[in-house]
Amino acid sequence: MSDKHNLQRISTVLAIIASAFFAAVAIAGFQRTGDMMQLLLFLALALASYVIVKGLFLGIGRLLDKIDPS
């Protein structure tokens, strides 16, 4: 798949930043409370945020493909 709109790099960076935020909250919360469910919840949110951001940029790329006639 070609990246005509140069969204691949920015989507990856933003997805990593979002998932790193939730992973940092997971680790900090676990160190503070020792609650394993909290750790697993925020790690799942980190994974979900990565997938959501990548999916949003995939949709944006498709939308730009439909708009751009070239």
PDB file of N, CA and C in Angstrom:
ATOM      1  N   MET A   1       0.845  -1.185   0.000  1.00  0.00           N
ATOM      2  CA  MET A   1       0.000   0.000   0.000  1.00  0.00           C
ATOM      3  C   MET A   1       0.884   1.240   0.000  1.00  0.00           C
ATOM      4  N   SER A   2       0.631   2.124  -0.920  1.00  0.00           N
ATOM      5  CA  SER A   2       1.442   3.338  -1.000  1.00  0.00           C
ATOM      6  C   SER A   2       0.905   4.389  -0.030  1.00  0.00           C
ATOM      7  N   ASP A   3       1.799   5.239   0.401  1.00  0.00           N
ATOM      8  CA  ASP A   3       1.447   6.288   1.357  1.00  0.00           C
ATOM      9  C   ASP A   3       1.500   7.635   0.637  1.00  0.00           C
ATOM     10  N   LYS A   4       0.474   7.918  -0.172  1.00  0.00           N
ATOM     11  CA  LYS A   4       0.465   9.131  -0.984  1.00  0.00           C
ATOM     12  C   LYS A   4       0.411  10.399  -0.143  1.00  0.00           C
ATOM     13  N   HIS A   5      -0.214  10.331   1.010  1.00  0.00           N
ATOM     14  CA  HIS A   5      -0.423  11.522   1.821  1.00  0.00           C
ATOM     15  C   HIS A   5       0.552  11.629   2.994  1.00  0.00           C
ATOM     16  N   ASN A   6       1.534  10.743   3.044  1.00  0.00           N
ATOM     17  CA  ASN A   6       2.571  10.748   4.086  1.00  0.00           C
ATOM     18  C   ASN A   6       1.972  10.718   5.493  1.00  0.00           C
ATOM     19  N   LEU A   7       1.011   9.832   5.714  1.00  0.00           N
ATOM     20  CA  LEU A   7       0.370   9.713   7.016  1.00  0.00           C
ATOM     21  C   LEU A   7       0.948   8.578   7.861  1.00  0.00           C
ATOM     22  N   GLN A   8       1.718   7.695   7.253  1.00  0.00           N
ATOM     23  CA  GLN A   8       2.212   6.514   7.962  1.00  0.00           C
ATOM     24  C   GLN A   8       3.081   6.896   9.160  1.00  0.00           C
ATOM     25  N   ARG A   9       4.029   7.782   8.960  1.00  0.00           N
ATOM     26  CA  ARG A   9       4.948   8.138  10.041  1.00  0.00           C
ATOM     27  C   ARG A   9       4.238   8.884  11.163  1.00  0.00           C
ATOM     28  N   ILE A  10       3.400   9.854  10.803  1.00  0.00           N
ATOM     29  CA  ILE A  10       2.723  10.628  11.839  1.00  0.00           C
ATOM     30  C   ILE A  10       1.720   9.768  12.604  1.00  0.00           C
ATOM     31  N   SER A  11       1.054   8.843  11.927  1.00  0.00           N
ATOM     32  CA  SER A  11       0.114   7.970  12.629  1.00  0.00           C
ATOM     33  C   SER A  11       0.845   7.046  13.593  1.00  0.00           C
ATOM     34  N   THR A  12       2.000   6.560  13.188  1.00  0.00           N
ATOM     35  CA  THR A  12       2.775   5.693  14.074  1.00  0.00           C
ATOM     36  C   THR A  12       3.276   6.457  15.290  1.00  0.00           C
ATOM     37  N   VAL A  13       3.772   7.667  15.085  1.00  0.00           N
ATOM     38  CA  VAL A  13       4.271   8.472  16.201  1.00  0.00           C
ATOM     39  C   VAL A  13       3.153   8.802  17.174  1.00  0.00           C
ATOM     40  N   LEU A  14       2.005   9.241  16.664  1.00  0.00           N
ATOM     41  CA  LEU A  14       0.889   9.581  17.542  1.00  0.00           C
ATOM     42  C   LEU A  14       0.332   8.356  18.259  1.00  0.00           C
ATOM     43  N   ALA A  15       0.299   7.220  17.580  1.00  0.00           N
ATOM     44  CA  ALA A  15      -0.180   5.994  18.219  1.00  0.00           C
ATOM     45  C   ALA A  15       0.760   5.558  19.339  1.00  0.00           C
ATOM     46  N   ILE A  16       2.054   5.679  19.121  1.00  0.00           N
ATOM     47  CA  ILE A  16       3.023   5.310  20.153  1.00  0.00           C
ATOM     48  C   ILE A  16       2.934   6.261  21.339  1.00  0.00           C
ATOM     49  N   ILE A  17       2.765   7.550  21.075  1.00  0.00           N
ATOM     50  CA  ILE A  17       2.635   8.529  22.160  1.00  0.00           C
ATOM     51  C   ILE A  17       1.395   8.241  22.996  1.00  0.00           C
ATOM     52  N   ALA A  18       0.271   7.972  22.339  1.00  0.00           N
ATOM     53  CA  ALA A  18      -0.969   7.694  23.068  1.00  0.00           C
ATOM     54  C   ALA A  18      -0.850   6.420  23.890  1.00  0.00           C
ATOM     55  N   SER A  19      -0.289   5.376  23.307  1.00  0.00           N
ATOM     56  CA  SER A  19      -0.167   4.123  24.050  1.00  0.00           C
ATOM     57  C   SER A  19       0.888   4.229  25.149  1.00  0.00           C
ATOM     58  N   ALA A  20       1.934   5.004  24.929  1.00  0.00           N
ATOM     59  CA  ALA A  20       2.944   5.199  25.972  1.00  0.00           C
ATOM     60  C   ALA A  20       2.363   5.950  27.163  1.00  0.00           C
ATOM     61  N   PHE A  21       1.466   6.895  26.907  1.00  0.00           N
ATOM     62  CA  PHE A  21       0.807   7.610  28.001  1.00  0.00           C
ATOM     63  C   PHE A  21       0.036   6.636  28.886  1.00  0.00           C
ATOM     64  N   PHE A  22      -0.785   5.773  28.271  1.00  0.00           N
ATOM     65  CA  PHE A  22      -1.566   4.831  29.057  1.00  0.00           C
ATOM     66  C   PHE A  22      -0.678   3.789  29.738  1.00  0.00           C
ATOM     67  N   ALA A  23       0.405   3.409  29.105  1.00  0.00           N
ATOM     68  CA  ALA A  23       1.332   2.469  29.739  1.00  0.00           C
ATOM     69  C   ALA A  23       2.017   3.118  30.938  1.00  0.00           C
ATOM     70  N   ALA A  24       2.375   4.388  30.825  1.00  0.00           N
ATOM     71  CA  ALA A  24       2.996   5.096  31.952  1.00  0.00           C
ATOM     72  C   ALA A  24       2.009   5.237  33.109  1.00  0.00           C
ATOM     73  N   VAL A  25       0.746   5.528  32.789  1.00  0.00           N
ATOM     74  CA  VAL A  25      -0.277   5.606  33.837  1.00  0.00           C
ATOM     75  C   VAL A  25      -0.463   4.239  34.480  1.00  0.00           C
ATOM     76  N   ALA A  26      -0.413   3.184  33.690  1.00  0.00           N
ATOM     77  CA  ALA A  26      -0.553   1.828  34.222  1.00  0.00           C
ATOM     78  C   ALA A  26       0.568   1.503  35.199  1.00  0.00           C
ATOM     79  N   ILE A  27       1.785   1.812  34.826  1.00  0.00           N
ATOM     80  CA  ILE A  27       2.926   1.490  35.682  1.00  0.00           C
ATOM     81  C   ILE A  27       2.924   2.352  36.930  1.00  0.00           C
ATOM     82  N   ALA A  28       2.660   3.633  36.780  1.00  0.00           N
ATOM     83  CA  ALA A  28       2.628   4.520  37.942  1.00  0.00           C
ATOM     84  C   ALA A  28       1.494   4.136  38.889  1.00  0.00           C
ATOM     85  N   GLY A  29       0.348   3.807  38.352  1.00  0.00           N
ATOM     86  CA  GLY A  29      -0.778   3.405  39.189  1.00  0.00           C
ATOM     87  C   GLY A  29      -0.510   2.096  39.905  1.00  0.00           C
ATOM     88  N   PHE A  30       0.127   1.159  39.220  1.00  0.00           N
ATOM     89  CA  PHE A  30       0.445  -0.117  39.854  1.00  0.00           C
ATOM     90  C   PHE A  30       1.465   0.056  40.968  1.00  0.00           C
ATOM     91  N   GLN A  31       2.451   0.908  40.737  1.00  0.00           N
ATOM     92  CA  GLN A  31       3.448   1.148  41.783  1.00  0.00           C
ATOM     93  C   GLN A  31       2.837   1.823  43.000  1.00  0.00           C
ATOM     94  N   ARG A  32       1.847   2.640  42.764  1.00  0.00           N
ATOM     95  CA  ARG A  32       1.212   3.363  43.871  1.00  0.00           C
ATOM     96  C   ARG A  32       0.232   2.486  44.646  1.00  0.00           C
ATOM     97  N   THR A  33      -0.581   1.690  43.916  1.00  0.00           N
ATOM     98  CA  THR A  33      -1.641   0.928  44.565  1.00  0.00           C
ATOM     99  C   THR A  33      -1.364  -0.563  44.669  1.00  0.00           C
ATOM    100  N   GLY A  34      -0.581  -1.099  43.751  1.00  0.00           N
ATOM    101  CA  GLY A  34      -0.339  -2.539  43.732  1.00  0.00           C
ATOM    102  C   GLY A  34      -1.512  -3.329  43.179  1.00  0.00           C
ATOM    103  N   ASP A  35      -2.456  -2.653  42.541  1.00  0.00           N
ATOM    104  CA  ASP A  35      -3.655  -3.289  42.011  1.00  0.00           C
ATOM    105  C   ASP A  35      -3.371  -3.837  40.609  1.00  0.00           C
ATOM    106  N   MET A  36      -3.419  -5.162  40.485  1.00  0.00           N
ATOM    107  CA  MET A  36      -3.113  -5.800  39.205  1.00  0.00           C
ATOM    108  C   MET A  36      -4.199  -5.529  38.166  1.00  0.00           C
ATOM    109  N   MET A  37      -5.459  -5.431  38.586  1.00  0.00           N
ATOM    110  CA  MET A  37      -6.538  -5.149  37.631  1.00  0.00           C
ATOM    111  C   MET A  37      -6.379  -3.765  37.006  1.00  0.00           C
ATOM    112  N   GLN A  38      -5.952  -2.800  37.803  1.00  0.00           N
ATOM    113  CA  GLN A  38      -5.709  -1.457  37.273  1.00  0.00           C
ATOM    114  C   GLN A  38      -4.598  -1.491  36.240  1.00  0.00           C
ATOM    115  N   LEU A  39      -3.549  -2.238  36.530  1.00  0.00           N
ATOM    116  CA  LEU A  39      -2.437  -2.375  35.593  1.00  0.00           C
ATOM    117  C   LEU A  39      -2.913  -2.983  34.279  1.00  0.00           C
ATOM    118  N   LEU A  40      -3.664  -4.066  34.363  1.00  0.00           N
ATOM    119  CA  LEU A  40      -4.136  -4.738  33.151  1.00  0.00           C
ATOM    120  C   LEU A  40      -5.124  -3.874  32.369  1.00  0.00           C
ATOM    121  N   LEU A  41      -5.975  -3.136  33.084  1.00  0.00           N
ATOM    122  CA  LEU A  41      -6.933  -2.255  32.419  1.00  0.00           C
ATOM    123  C   LEU A  41      -6.221  -1.182  31.604  1.00  0.00           C
ATOM    124  N   PHE A  42      -5.246  -0.529  32.208  1.00  0.00           N
ATOM    125  CA  PHE A  42      -4.557   0.541  31.488  1.00  0.00           C
ATOM    126  C   PHE A  42      -3.628   0.004  30.403  1.00  0.00           C
ATOM    127  N   LEU A  43      -3.090  -1.192  30.570  1.00  0.00           N
ATOM    128  CA  LEU A  43      -2.314  -1.781  29.487  1.00  0.00           C
ATOM    129  C   LEU A  43      -3.223  -2.144  28.313  1.00  0.00           C
ATOM    130  N   ALA A  44      -4.443  -2.600  28.616  1.00  0.00           N
ATOM    131  CA  ALA A  44      -5.418  -2.854  27.551  1.00  0.00           C
ATOM    132  C   ALA A  44      -5.817  -1.545  26.870  1.00  0.00           C
ATOM    133  N   LEU A  45      -5.951  -0.465  27.643  1.00  0.00           N
ATOM    134  CA  LEU A  45      -6.240   0.842  27.056  1.00  0.00           C
ATOM    135  C   LEU A  45      -5.088   1.317  26.176  1.00  0.00           C
ATOM    136  N   ALA A  46      -3.861   1.003  26.568  1.00  0.00           N
ATOM    137  CA  ALA A  46      -2.701   1.373  25.755  1.00  0.00           C
ATOM    138  C   ALA A  46      -2.759   0.669  24.403  1.00  0.00           C
ATOM    139  N   LEU A  47      -3.071  -0.611  24.423  1.00  0.00           N
ATOM    140  CA  LEU A  47      -3.191  -1.359  23.178  1.00  0.00           C
ATOM    141  C   LEU A  47      -4.355  -0.837  22.338  1.00  0.00           C
ATOM    142  N   ALA A  48      -5.483  -0.589  22.987  1.00  0.00           N
ATOM    143  CA  ALA A  48      -6.658  -0.090  22.271  1.00  0.00           C
ATOM    144  C   ALA A  48      -6.390   1.289  21.667  1.00  0.00           C
ATOM    145  N   SER A  49      -5.682   2.144  22.393  1.00  0.00           N
ATOM    146  CA  SER A  49      -5.403   3.482  21.859  1.00  0.00           C
ATOM    147  C   SER A  49      -4.501   3.398  20.630  1.00  0.00           C
ATOM    148  N   TYR A  50      -3.562   2.472  20.620  1.00  0.00           N
ATOM    149  CA  TYR A  50      -2.706   2.289  19.448  1.00  0.00           C
ATOM    150  C   TYR A  50      -3.543   1.897  18.238  1.00  0.00           C
ATOM    151  N   VAL A  51      -4.423   0.920  18.441  1.00  0.00           N
ATOM    152  CA  VAL A  51      -5.258   0.429  17.343  1.00  0.00           C
ATOM    153  C   VAL A  51      -6.218   1.518  16.862  1.00  0.00           C
ATOM    154  N   ILE A  52      -6.795   2.266  17.789  1.00  0.00           N
ATOM    155  CA  ILE A  52      -7.747   3.313  17.418  1.00  0.00           C
ATOM    156  C   ILE A  52      -7.072   4.417  16.618  1.00  0.00           C
ATOM    157  N   VAL A  53      -5.907   4.866  17.052  1.00  0.00           N
ATOM    158  CA  VAL A  53      -5.206   5.939  16.331  1.00  0.00           C
ATOM    159  C   VAL A  53      -4.800   5.468  14.935  1.00  0.00           C
ATOM    160  N   LYS A  54      -4.271   4.254  14.838  1.00  0.00           N
ATOM    161  CA  LYS A  54      -3.892   3.739  13.514  1.00  0.00           C
ATOM    162  C   LYS A  54      -5.128   3.602  12.624  1.00  0.00           C
ATOM    163  N   GLY A  55      -6.250   3.163  13.181  1.00  0.00           N
ATOM    164  CA  GLY A  55      -7.485   3.038  12.419  1.00  0.00           C
ATOM    165  C   GLY A  55      -8.018   4.380  11.959  1.00  0.00           C
ATOM    166  N   LEU A  56      -7.936   5.383  12.824  1.00  0.00           N
ATOM    167  CA  LEU A  56      -8.377   6.724  12.434  1.00  0.00           C
ATOM    168  C   LEU A  56      -7.563   7.260  11.267  1.00  0.00           C
ATOM    169  N   PHE A  57      -6.265   7.065  11.317  1.00  0.00           N
ATOM    170  CA  PHE A  57      -5.431   7.557  10.229  1.00  0.00           C
ATOM    171  C   PHE A  57      -5.635   6.738   8.952  1.00  0.00           C
ATOM    172  N   LEU A  58      -5.980   5.479   9.085  1.00  0.00           N
ATOM    173  CA  LEU A  58      -6.318   4.687   7.909  1.00  0.00           C
ATOM    174  C   LEU A  58      -7.577   5.257   7.255  1.00  0.00           C
ATOM    175  N   GLY A  59      -8.553   5.603   8.071  1.00  0.00           N
ATOM    176  CA  GLY A  59      -9.777   6.224   7.557  1.00  0.00           C
ATOM    177  C   GLY A  59      -9.523   7.581   6.947  1.00  0.00           C
ATOM    178  N   ILE A  60      -8.652   8.369   7.567  1.00  0.00           N
ATOM    179  CA  ILE A  60      -8.303   9.682   7.022  1.00  0.00           C
ATOM    180  C   ILE A  60      -7.613   9.521   5.667  1.00  0.00           C
ATOM    181  N   GLY A  61      -6.735   8.540   5.564  1.00  0.00           N
ATOM    182  CA  GLY A  61      -6.057   8.290   4.294  1.00  0.00           C
ATOM    183  C   GLY A  61      -7.035   7.907   3.195  1.00  0.00           C
ATOM    184  N   ARG A  62      -8.003   7.061   3.533  1.00  0.00           N
ATOM    185  CA  ARG A  62      -9.014   6.671   2.537  1.00  0.00           C
ATOM    186  C   ARG A  62      -9.876   7.860   2.139  1.00  0.00           C
ATOM    187  N   LEU A  63     -10.228   8.692   3.120  1.00  0.00           N
ATOM    188  CA  LEU A  63     -11.020   9.885   2.820  1.00  0.00           C
ATOM    189  C   LEU A  63     -10.249  10.829   1.897  1.00  0.00           C
ATOM    190  N   LEU A  64      -8.975  11.029   2.168  1.00  0.00           N
ATOM    191  CA  LEU A  64      -8.153  11.878   1.305  1.00  0.00           C
ATOM    192  C   LEU A  64      -8.012  11.285  -0.094  1.00  0.00           C
ATOM    193  N   ASP A  65      -7.964   9.957  -0.190  1.00  0.00           N
ATOM    194  CA  ASP A  65      -7.910   9.318  -1.511  1.00  0.00           C
ATOM    195  C   ASP A  65      -9.164   9.584  -2.314  1.00  0.00           C
ATOM    196  N   LYS A  66     -10.321   9.607  -1.644  1.00  0.00           N
ATOM    197  CA  LYS A  66     -11.572   9.876  -2.341  1.00  0.00           C
ATOM    198  C   LYS A  66     -11.682  11.324  -2.761  1.00  0.00           C
ATOM    199  N   ILE A  67     -11.153  12.227  -1.952  1.00  0.00           N
ATOM    200  CA  ILE A  67     -11.226  13.651  -2.245  1.00  0.00           C
ATOM    201  C   ILE A  67     -10.234  14.044  -3.335  1.00  0.00           C
ATOM    202  N   ASP A  68      -9.018  13.510  -3.248  1.00  0.00           N
ATOM    203  CA  ASP A  68      -7.934  13.868  -4.164  1.00  0.00           C
ATOM    204  C   ASP A  68      -8.125  13.151  -5.506  1.00  0.00           C
ATOM    205  N   PRO A  69      -8.325  13.885  -6.596  1.00  0.00           N
ATOM    206  CA  PRO A  69      -8.557  13.247  -7.881  1.00  0.00           C
ATOM    207  C   PRO A  69      -7.290  12.665  -8.529  1.00  0.00           C
ATOM    208  N   SER A  70      -6.117  13.053  -8.068  1.00  0.00           N
ATOM    209  CA  SER A  70      -4.882  12.574  -8.729  1.00  0.00           C
ATOM    210  C   SER A  70      -4.397  11.264  -8.190  1.00  0.00           C
TER     211      SER A  70
END
